[in-house]
Structures are given as C-alpha cells and as structure tokens.
Amino acid sequence: MRRTAHKKRRNPVTFLLSGMIIIISVFLLSGAFLVMAEESESDSGRRYYKSIQIQSGDTLWNIAEDYMTDEYDSVDEYIRDLKEINTLNSDFIQSGQYLIVVCQD
C-alpha cells in the first residue's frame, strides 16, 4: 500500500486573522507618525496666509520685518517667498495694493 503525502491545508481563518493583524499594525504605526508630525508642527506654530493692504511708505523690507516667521533664515529669503506668492517681478509696491503675507501663530 502506497502512502501519499498529504499537504497540510491551512485554515482560512488563520489567513484572515494574520491579514487583520497586519492591517491593524500598519494603521497604528501610521497613526503614531501622524501624531509625531502634528506635535512638531504645533511646537513651531501654524503657518497661515493673510491679505494686507499696502500703506504709503511701506516697503517689502518693513513688511518682511513685521510678518517674517521663524522658518525663514533671513529677510531676503522671506522677501523672495513674498514676491513668488504675489507674482511680483520687482521690489516695487504701491499704496492701496494688496499682498498675501505668510504669518505664524
């Protein structure tokens, strides 16, 4: 009499439980990373944008000094960003004009 080797069939419930454990682990780990990112963002304050009206005598330099956030290393860097956000080709601004500025809480 010949013996045939039987492959051991795994229970489908085992596969289901393993899959659920993997999925839950991924969600828990990604949630932990999101919490860490939120904490580091709140430490430095939230970045937001504000529209301001240019007054007579205003320059990009004094606007930068008033609104520059900690994420910028220099006033020049902030002014470059300010010009890009507002699609300015030069440093020239005039009273009555509106600009979008970057602010921080």
Protein backbone atom coordinates (compact mmCIF):
# COMPACT_ATOMS: atom_id res chain seq x y z
CA MET A 1 0.00 0.00 0.00
CA ARG A 2 1.30 3.27 -1.03
CA ARG A 3 1.18 6.25 1.17
CA THR A 4 0.51 9.59 -0.37
CA ALA A 5 1.87 12.67 1.16
CA HIS A 6 -0.88 15.00 2.21
CA LYS A 7 -0.20 18.65 2.20
CA LYS A 8 -1.40 20.26 5.32
CA ARG A 9 -4.08 22.77 4.43
CA ARG A 10 -4.05 25.91 6.43
CA ASN A 11 -7.22 27.10 7.92
CA PRO A 12 -8.68 30.15 6.08
CA VAL A 13 -9.35 31.72 9.46
CA THR A 14 -5.61 31.80 10.10
CA PHE A 15 -5.07 33.77 6.90
CA LEU A 16 -7.87 36.15 7.79
CA LEU A 17 -6.53 36.78 11.30
CA SER A 18 -2.98 37.28 10.01
CA GLY A 19 -4.19 39.80 7.45
CA MET A 20 -6.22 41.69 10.03
CA ILE A 21 -3.24 41.86 12.40
CA ILE A 22 -1.02 43.24 9.64
CA ILE A 23 -3.60 45.86 8.62
CA ILE A 24 -4.19 46.97 12.21
CA SER A 25 -0.42 47.23 12.78
CA VAL A 26 0.01 49.43 9.71
CA PHE A 27 -2.78 51.76 10.84
CA LEU A 28 -1.37 52.03 14.35
CA LEU A 29 2.13 52.79 13.10
CA SER A 30 0.97 55.38 10.58
CA GLY A 31 -1.19 57.00 13.26
CA ALA A 32 1.82 57.29 15.56
CA PHE A 33 3.79 59.06 12.80
CA LEU A 34 0.92 61.48 12.19
CA VAL A 35 0.77 62.35 15.89
CA MET A 36 4.52 63.00 15.95
CA ALA A 37 4.23 65.25 12.88
CA GLU A 38 1.36 67.19 14.45
CA GLU A 39 3.30 67.71 17.67
CA SER A 40 6.36 69.04 15.87
CA GLU A 41 4.21 71.37 13.75
CA SER A 42 2.41 72.77 16.79
CA ASP A 43 5.74 73.42 18.52
CA SER A 44 6.71 75.92 15.84
CA GLY A 45 3.22 77.32 15.34
CA ARG A 46 0.95 77.01 12.36
CA ARG A 47 1.70 78.76 9.11
CA TYR A 48 -1.11 80.72 7.50
CA TYR A 49 -1.58 83.44 4.90
CA LYS A 50 -3.09 86.87 5.34
CA SER A 51 -4.02 89.63 2.91
CA ILE A 52 -2.74 93.09 3.81
CA GLN A 53 -3.20 96.46 2.14
CA ILE A 54 -0.04 98.40 1.39
CA GLN A 55 0.12 101.78 3.11
CA SER A 56 2.07 104.80 1.94
CA GLY A 57 5.77 104.35 2.78
CA ASP A 58 5.58 100.54 3.08
CA THR A 59 8.39 98.52 1.56
CA LEU A 60 8.85 94.78 1.16
CA TRP A 61 11.65 95.04 3.72
CA ASN A 62 9.46 96.50 6.53
CA ILE A 63 6.62 94.12 5.65
CA ALA A 64 9.08 91.24 5.95
CA GLU A 65 10.31 92.53 9.31
CA ASP A 66 6.70 92.73 10.57
CA TYR A 67 5.45 89.36 9.31
CA MET A 68 8.51 87.14 8.88
CA THR A 69 8.15 83.74 10.59
CA ASP A 70 10.79 81.66 12.37
CA GLU A 71 11.09 79.26 9.45
CA TYR A 72 12.99 81.88 7.43
CA ASP A 73 16.71 82.40 7.93
CA SER A 74 16.80 85.94 6.57
CA VAL A 75 14.64 88.86 5.50
CA ASP A 76 15.87 88.36 1.93
CA GLU A 77 14.57 84.77 1.94
CA TYR A 78 11.16 85.93 3.18
CA ILE A 79 11.03 88.67 0.53
CA ARG A 80 11.82 86.12 -2.20
CA ASP A 81 8.90 84.00 -0.98
CA LEU A 82 6.66 87.06 -0.70
CA LYS A 83 7.44 88.03 -4.29
CA GLU A 84 6.80 84.49 -5.51
CA ILE A 85 3.47 84.17 -3.66
CA ASN A 86 2.27 87.50 -5.04
CA THR A 87 3.84 87.06 -8.50
CA LEU A 88 5.86 90.26 -8.17
CA ASN A 89 8.60 90.81 -10.76
CA SER A 90 10.27 93.64 -8.83
CA ASP A 91 10.55 95.08 -5.34
CA PHE A 92 8.20 97.92 -6.29
CA ILE A 93 4.87 98.04 -4.40
CA GLN A 94 2.40 100.90 -4.14
CA SER A 95 -0.11 102.05 -1.54
CA GLY A 96 -3.59 100.59 -1.95
CA GLN A 97 -2.17 97.37 -3.38
CA TYR A 98 -2.96 94.10 -1.56
CA LEU A 99 -0.34 91.47 -0.77
CA ILE A 100 -0.60 87.97 0.64
CA VAL A 101 1.87 87.52 3.50
CA VAL A 102 2.97 84.41 5.38
CA CYS A 103 2.17 84.57 9.12
CA GLN A 104 2.59 82.29 12.10
CA ASP A 105 0.58 81.77 15.30
